[in-house]
Amino acid sequence: MRVIILEGNPVNGGVMRIEHIAMYVNHLEEARDFFVTYLNGHANEGYHNVKTGFRSYFIRFGDGARLEIMNKPDMVDQNKELNRTGYAHIAFSAGSKERVDELTARLKRNGFEVVSGPRITGDGYYESCIIAVEGNQIEITV
């Protein structure tokens, strides 16, 4: 692995932050509804490029973080093994252990697979992980 160290601060001394994260999905409205219903996201009206068939929604969360969910014709949907390279999960803060427990129980009752927790991890986080949105892992933490 090659590591490059740059001198100075990014963007004229400013602090870098993640502006948004994007994920392709097969069922755009179902994915939007999951993030709005269970994770208190707020979706925009959506975008549709009629020439390419590309469609997307930006979903905003309480602290300003945004998730872009996207769809386009002829996508390849590969198996999403839990132990794989690439992005592992998206984590959402519920604010308290009780809210982690409540949301995890609600998701389980509604048919989502809980793959771990709620539990205290070896590094001290209280979390649970579920499989949702077309096989992708969602972490719920304090």
Protein backbone atom coordinates (compact mmCIF):
# COMPACT_ATOMS: atom_id res chain seq x y z
CA MET A 1 0.00 0.00 0.00
CA ARG A 2 1.27 3.45 -0.88
CA VAL A 3 0.64 6.34 1.53
CA ILE A 4 1.02 9.93 0.44
CA ILE A 5 1.33 12.63 3.08
CA LEU A 6 0.31 16.11 1.99
CA GLU A 7 1.47 19.23 3.76
CA GLY A 8 -1.04 21.80 4.97
CA ASN A 9 -4.77 21.70 5.57
CA PRO A 10 -7.38 20.81 2.96
CA VAL A 11 -9.45 23.42 1.17
CA ASN A 12 -7.57 26.53 2.23
CA GLY A 13 -7.30 25.50 5.87
CA GLY A 14 -10.89 24.27 6.23
CA VAL A 15 -12.03 21.06 7.84
CA MET A 16 -13.05 18.25 5.53
CA ARG A 17 -16.35 16.51 6.16
CA ILE A 18 -18.28 13.86 4.32
CA GLU A 19 -20.84 15.71 2.20
CA HIS A 20 -22.85 12.64 1.30
CA ILE A 21 -22.62 8.92 0.75
CA ALA A 22 -24.31 7.28 -2.23
CA MET A 23 -25.60 3.78 -2.85
CA TYR A 24 -27.26 2.15 -5.83
CA VAL A 25 -30.45 0.21 -5.13
CA ASN A 26 -32.87 -1.82 -7.22
CA HIS A 27 -36.01 -0.60 -5.47
CA LEU A 28 -35.62 3.14 -5.03
CA GLU A 29 -38.89 3.97 -3.30
CA GLU A 30 -38.62 1.02 -0.89
CA ALA A 31 -35.11 2.14 0.09
CA ARG A 32 -36.29 5.73 0.53
CA ASP A 33 -39.20 4.58 2.69
CA PHE A 34 -36.87 2.53 4.93
CA PHE A 35 -34.60 5.48 5.71
CA VAL A 36 -37.55 7.83 6.24
CA THR A 37 -39.69 5.43 8.29
CA TYR A 38 -37.09 3.85 10.57
CA LEU A 39 -34.21 6.33 10.69
CA ASN A 40 -36.07 9.67 10.59
CA GLY A 41 -34.58 10.75 7.27
CA HIS A 42 -36.12 13.50 5.14
CA ALA A 43 -36.15 12.80 1.40
CA ASN A 44 -36.17 15.41 -1.34
CA GLU A 45 -38.62 15.23 -4.26
CA GLY A 46 -36.22 13.10 -6.26
CA TYR A 47 -34.44 13.50 -9.57
CA HIS A 48 -35.06 11.70 -12.85
CA ASN A 49 -32.93 11.97 -15.99
CA VAL A 50 -35.31 10.82 -18.73
CA LYS A 51 -32.48 10.38 -21.25
CA THR A 52 -30.46 7.92 -19.15
CA GLY A 53 -33.16 6.55 -16.84
CA PHE A 54 -31.09 7.55 -13.80
CA ARG A 55 -33.19 8.35 -10.71
CA SER A 56 -32.16 9.40 -7.22
CA TYR A 57 -33.24 10.79 -3.86
CA PHE A 58 -31.16 12.67 -1.33
CA ILE A 59 -32.10 11.80 2.24
CA ARG A 60 -31.07 14.27 4.93
CA PHE A 61 -30.60 13.29 8.57
CA GLY A 62 -30.75 15.43 11.71
CA ASP A 63 -27.11 16.46 11.89
CA GLY A 64 -26.90 17.43 8.23
CA ALA A 65 -25.47 14.16 6.91
CA ARG A 66 -26.98 13.08 3.59
CA LEU A 67 -27.40 9.77 1.82
CA GLU A 68 -28.02 9.60 -1.91
CA ILE A 69 -29.88 6.52 -3.07
CA MET A 70 -29.79 5.93 -6.81
CA ASN A 71 -31.14 3.66 -9.51
CA LYS A 72 -30.52 3.25 -13.23
CA PRO A 73 -31.41 0.62 -15.80
CA ASP A 74 -29.29 -2.51 -16.23
CA MET A 75 -27.44 -2.46 -12.91
CA VAL A 76 -25.51 -5.52 -11.74
CA ASP A 77 -26.50 -6.63 -8.24
CA GLN A 78 -23.76 -8.76 -6.70
CA ASN A 79 -23.94 -10.82 -3.51
CA LYS A 80 -23.33 -8.71 -0.40
CA GLU A 81 -21.36 -10.94 1.93
CA LEU A 82 -20.94 -9.48 5.43
CA ASN A 83 -17.19 -10.12 5.38
CA ARG A 84 -16.02 -8.46 2.20
CA THR A 85 -13.86 -5.57 1.10
CA GLY A 86 -15.42 -2.19 0.49
CA TYR A 87 -17.92 -0.33 2.62
CA ALA A 88 -19.12 -2.55 5.46
CA HIS A 89 -22.11 -0.66 6.84
CA ILE A 90 -23.71 2.70 7.47
CA ALA A 91 -24.04 3.57 11.18
CA PHE A 92 -26.85 5.67 12.65
CA SER A 93 -26.88 7.10 16.16
CA ALA A 94 -30.13 6.52 18.04
CA GLY A 95 -29.04 8.67 20.98
CA SER A 96 -29.34 6.16 23.84
CA LYS A 97 -29.11 2.46 24.66
CA GLU A 98 -32.87 2.36 25.16
CA ARG A 99 -33.50 3.77 21.69
CA VAL A 100 -31.04 1.27 20.17
CA ASP A 101 -33.00 -1.52 21.89
CA GLU A 102 -36.39 -0.12 20.83
CA LEU A 103 -35.44 0.42 17.18
CA THR A 104 -33.75 -2.97 16.94
CA ALA A 105 -36.84 -4.69 18.36
CA ARG A 106 -39.11 -2.76 15.98
CA LEU A 107 -37.01 -3.69 12.96
CA LYS A 108 -36.92 -7.34 14.03
CA ARG A 109 -40.73 -7.38 14.49
CA ASN A 110 -41.05 -5.93 10.98
CA GLY A 111 -39.03 -8.77 9.47
CA PHE A 112 -35.51 -7.37 9.25
CA GLU A 113 -32.66 -9.73 10.14
CA VAL A 114 -30.69 -8.74 13.24
CA VAL A 115 -27.15 -10.04 12.73
CA SER A 116 -25.69 -8.81 16.04
CA GLY A 117 -26.73 -7.19 19.27
CA PRO A 118 -27.82 -5.11 20.80
CA ARG A 119 -24.53 -5.52 22.63
CA ILE A 120 -21.45 -3.76 23.93
CA THR A 121 -18.60 -4.31 21.48
CA GLY A 122 -15.00 -5.02 22.47
CA ASP A 123 -14.13 -1.37 21.89
CA GLY A 124 -17.00 -0.13 24.07
CA TYR A 125 -19.73 0.77 21.57
CA TYR A 126 -23.34 -0.18 22.26
CA GLU A 127 -24.83 -1.25 18.95
CA SER A 128 -26.88 -3.63 16.89
CA CYS A 129 -26.56 -4.51 13.22
CA ILE A 130 -29.38 -5.41 10.86
CA ILE A 131 -29.61 -6.44 7.24
CA ALA A 132 -31.83 -4.03 5.33
CA VAL A 133 -32.06 -2.19 2.03
CA GLU A 134 -31.31 -5.01 -0.38
CA GLY A 135 -28.85 -6.93 1.76
CA ASN A 136 -26.81 -4.00 3.07
CA GLN A 137 -25.85 -3.82 6.73
CA ILE A 138 -27.13 -0.96 8.90
CA GLU A 139 -25.59 -0.35 12.32
CA ILE A 140 -27.61 1.32 15.07
CA THR A 141 -25.53 2.78 17.87
CA VAL A 142 -25.87 5.18 20.78
